[in-house]
Amino acid sequence: MHTEIPKHNPTTRRVDSPRPTEPTSALAALIEGNHRYLEGLSAGCPIDGEACAQLTFPRRPFALALVEPMSPPLTPRLFSRSHHDVVMVDALERALSFATEHDFKLIVVLTPMRDILLQPTALWTASERAAFDRVEQFLRRSPAVRQRILDGKSRVVAALLEETTSRVRWLGEHPDNECLAQGA
């Protein structure tokens, strides 16, 4: 069930590439989008959760990001090729609702890493554990998403956000993803 995280390839950068139609290409698009953002090439304007319900294909976002409330709020441009790619939700209940109502190819549980320069090893371990705990909490409460994972229609991945640089560090699926998807 576990698949590799696609690598960033600057020689294949295309903003006008086709919209992802399956989970792995959706992940690759967001990885590419974060690299574009870091290089100052971000496109589009943000879309919030309320606007998502009003969008129709092909404008409907292909990814959902569950983020922690932050000040200032995160923008989908953080890893988006256009303003219609990602919907950002900062509350678990809302994320569960959106994930059940919409056919997202990818769900990213994004956890901020604070003060990485002060205690990099301890912080990384704690942040990684917190990200995977949030993924587990999300999957345990969403039978619809678990079924889409089993059907190969969706992926749920953990990621860490370096707050000072806005770089997203992709952790991938939960180590027990298969068991969680099966509801065990």
Protein backbone atom coordinates (compact mmCIF):
# COMPACT_ATOMS: atom_id res chain seq x y z
CA MET A 1 0.00 0.00 0.00
CA HIS A 2 2.88 2.41 0.75
CA THR A 3 4.28 4.22 -2.25
CA GLU A 4 7.30 6.45 -2.49
CA ILE A 5 7.08 10.22 -2.22
CA PRO A 6 7.83 11.71 -5.64
CA LYS A 7 11.06 13.70 -5.81
CA HIS A 8 11.29 17.32 -6.92
CA ASN A 9 12.69 17.55 -10.45
CA PRO A 10 13.43 21.14 -11.53
CA THR A 11 13.90 20.10 -15.17
CA THR A 12 10.23 19.10 -15.45
CA ARG A 13 8.69 22.18 -13.83
CA ARG A 14 5.43 23.10 -15.56
CA VAL A 15 2.72 25.28 -14.11
CA ASP A 16 0.36 24.28 -16.90
CA SER A 17 0.76 20.52 -16.35
CA PRO A 18 -2.46 18.49 -16.23
CA ARG A 19 -4.48 18.42 -13.04
CA PRO A 20 -3.68 15.38 -10.93
CA THR A 21 -6.18 12.58 -11.32
CA GLU A 22 -4.73 10.17 -8.77
CA PRO A 23 -3.09 10.47 -5.33
CA THR A 24 0.58 10.12 -6.27
CA SER A 25 0.46 12.75 -9.00
CA ALA A 26 -1.43 15.04 -6.57
CA LEU A 27 1.41 14.65 -4.07
CA ALA A 28 4.01 15.32 -6.78
CA ALA A 29 2.12 18.49 -7.76
CA LEU A 30 2.16 19.80 -4.18
CA ILE A 31 5.84 18.99 -3.75
CA GLU A 32 6.56 20.86 -6.96
CA GLY A 33 4.30 23.70 -5.82
CA ASN A 34 6.22 24.12 -2.55
CA HIS A 35 9.48 24.32 -4.48
CA ARG A 36 7.92 26.96 -6.73
CA TYR A 37 6.73 28.89 -3.69
CA LEU A 38 10.21 28.81 -2.12
CA GLU A 39 11.64 30.13 -5.39
CA GLY A 40 9.11 32.96 -5.45
CA LEU A 41 7.15 31.52 -8.38
CA SER A 42 3.84 30.84 -6.61
CA ALA A 43 0.69 31.27 -8.66
CA GLY A 44 -2.92 32.11 -7.94
CA CYS A 45 -4.82 33.42 -4.99
CA PRO A 46 -5.98 31.51 -1.89
CA ILE A 47 -9.19 29.53 -1.61
CA ASP A 48 -10.77 28.81 1.74
CA GLY A 49 -12.92 25.92 2.87
CA GLU A 50 -16.19 27.77 2.43
CA ALA A 51 -15.46 28.56 -1.22
CA CYS A 52 -14.53 24.92 -1.94
CA ALA A 53 -18.13 23.72 -1.81
CA GLN A 54 -19.09 26.18 -4.54
CA LEU A 55 -16.45 25.01 -7.02
CA THR A 56 -17.17 22.41 -9.66
CA PHE A 57 -14.91 20.21 -11.79
CA PRO A 58 -12.35 21.02 -13.12
CA ARG A 59 -11.97 23.88 -10.65
CA ARG A 60 -12.55 21.79 -7.54
CA PRO A 61 -9.38 21.42 -5.41
CA PHE A 62 -7.62 18.06 -5.64
CA ALA A 63 -6.04 18.31 -2.17
CA LEU A 64 -7.07 19.14 1.38
CA ALA A 65 -4.54 20.41 3.93
CA LEU A 66 -5.32 20.06 7.62
CA VAL A 67 -3.20 22.74 9.26
CA GLU A 68 -2.83 24.08 12.77
CA PRO A 69 -4.26 27.55 13.33
CA MET A 70 -1.39 29.98 12.82
CA SER A 71 -0.86 33.69 12.79
CA PRO A 72 -0.65 34.78 10.10
CA PRO A 73 -2.78 32.06 8.51
CA LEU A 74 -1.16 29.78 5.96
CA THR A 75 -2.06 30.25 2.33
CA PRO A 76 -2.63 27.46 -0.22
CA ARG A 77 0.09 29.12 -2.29
CA LEU A 78 2.49 27.37 0.06
CA PHE A 79 2.27 24.35 -2.24
CA SER A 80 -0.12 25.19 -5.00
CA ARG A 81 0.22 25.69 -8.73
CA SER A 82 -3.01 27.65 -8.92
CA HIS A 83 -5.60 29.01 -6.53
CA HIS A 84 -7.93 26.06 -7.17
CA ASP A 85 -5.60 23.23 -6.14
CA VAL A 86 -5.72 23.10 -2.33
CA VAL A 87 -8.24 23.92 0.37
CA MET A 88 -6.74 24.74 3.78
CA VAL A 89 -8.71 23.79 6.90
CA ASP A 90 -7.53 24.52 10.43
CA ALA A 91 -9.97 22.41 12.44
CA LEU A 92 -10.18 18.63 12.55
CA GLU A 93 -13.99 18.51 12.46
CA ARG A 94 -14.12 20.74 9.37
CA ALA A 95 -11.39 18.68 7.70
CA LEU A 96 -13.33 15.49 8.38
CA SER A 97 -16.47 17.05 6.94
CA PHE A 98 -14.75 18.31 3.78
CA ALA A 99 -12.90 15.03 3.31
CA THR A 100 -16.17 13.10 3.49
CA GLU A 101 -18.08 15.46 1.16
CA HIS A 102 -15.42 15.96 -1.52
CA ASP A 103 -13.31 13.57 -3.55
CA PHE A 104 -9.83 14.81 -2.62
CA LYS A 105 -7.00 12.82 -4.14
CA LEU A 106 -4.65 13.87 -1.37
CA ILE A 107 -5.01 14.93 2.24
CA VAL A 108 -1.99 16.55 3.86
CA VAL A 109 -1.72 16.81 7.63
CA LEU A 110 0.66 19.74 8.01
CA THR A 111 2.36 20.30 11.36
CA PRO A 112 4.58 23.33 12.04
CA MET A 113 8.12 22.90 13.34
CA ARG A 114 9.09 25.74 15.64
CA ASP A 115 12.62 26.80 16.61
CA ILE A 116 14.37 24.08 14.60
CA LEU A 117 17.75 25.77 15.08
CA LEU A 118 17.55 25.53 18.88
CA GLN A 119 17.04 21.77 19.24
CA PRO A 120 16.95 20.21 15.77
CA THR A 121 16.99 16.50 16.70
CA ALA A 122 14.55 16.66 19.60
CA LEU A 123 12.26 19.05 17.72
CA TRP A 124 12.27 16.93 14.57
CA THR A 125 11.35 13.80 16.54
CA ALA A 126 8.59 15.55 18.50
CA SER A 127 7.21 17.25 15.37
CA GLU A 128 7.27 14.01 13.38
CA ARG A 129 5.45 12.17 16.17
CA ALA A 130 2.85 14.97 16.42
CA ALA A 131 2.26 14.88 12.65
CA PHE A 132 1.74 11.13 12.58
CA ASP A 133 -0.50 11.32 15.68
CA ARG A 134 -2.71 13.82 13.81
CA VAL A 135 -2.83 11.52 10.77
CA GLU A 136 -3.86 8.62 13.00
CA GLN A 137 -6.54 10.72 14.71
CA PHE A 138 -7.87 11.82 11.32
CA LEU A 139 -7.97 8.29 9.87
CA ARG A 140 -9.58 6.73 12.94
CA ARG A 141 -12.45 9.23 12.66
CA SER A 142 -13.06 8.99 8.91
CA PRO A 143 -14.37 5.68 7.56
CA ALA A 144 -15.02 7.30 4.16
CA VAL A 145 -11.39 8.37 3.76
CA ARG A 146 -10.17 4.96 4.95
CA GLN A 147 -12.26 3.33 2.23
CA ARG A 148 -10.89 5.68 -0.43
CA ILE A 149 -7.36 4.78 0.69
CA LEU A 150 -8.15 1.06 0.39
CA ASP A 151 -9.63 1.70 -3.07
CA GLY A 152 -6.48 3.60 -4.13
CA LYS A 153 -8.46 6.82 -4.70
CA SER A 154 -6.87 8.92 -1.93
CA ARG A 155 -3.73 9.23 0.16
CA VAL A 156 -3.22 10.84 3.55
CA VAL A 157 0.32 12.05 4.20
CA ALA A 158 2.06 13.86 7.03
CA ALA A 159 4.28 16.85 6.45
CA LEU A 160 6.22 19.30 8.56
CA LEU A 161 6.34 23.01 7.88
CA GLU A 162 9.51 24.91 8.74
CA GLU A 163 7.91 28.14 9.87
CA THR A 164 10.94 30.35 9.24
CA THR A 165 11.51 29.18 5.64
CA SER A 166 8.04 27.86 4.59
CA ARG A 167 9.74 24.68 3.37
CA VAL A 168 7.50 21.63 3.60
CA ARG A 169 9.24 18.44 4.74
CA TRP A 170 7.23 15.49 3.46
CA LEU A 171 7.04 12.53 5.86
CA GLY A 172 4.72 10.35 3.81
CA GLU A 173 2.01 8.01 4.99
CA HIS A 174 1.65 6.88 8.59
CA PRO A 175 3.96 3.92 9.37
CA ASP A 176 0.84 1.87 10.19
CA ASN A 177 -1.15 3.26 7.25
CA GLU A 178 -2.44 -0.10 6.03
CA CYS A 179 -3.72 -1.13 9.46
CA LEU A 180 -5.29 2.30 10.03
CA ALA A 181 -6.98 2.20 6.62
CA GLN A 182 -8.46 -1.17 7.49
CA GLY A 183 -9.84 0.32 10.69
CA ALA A 184 -7.64 -1.79 12.97
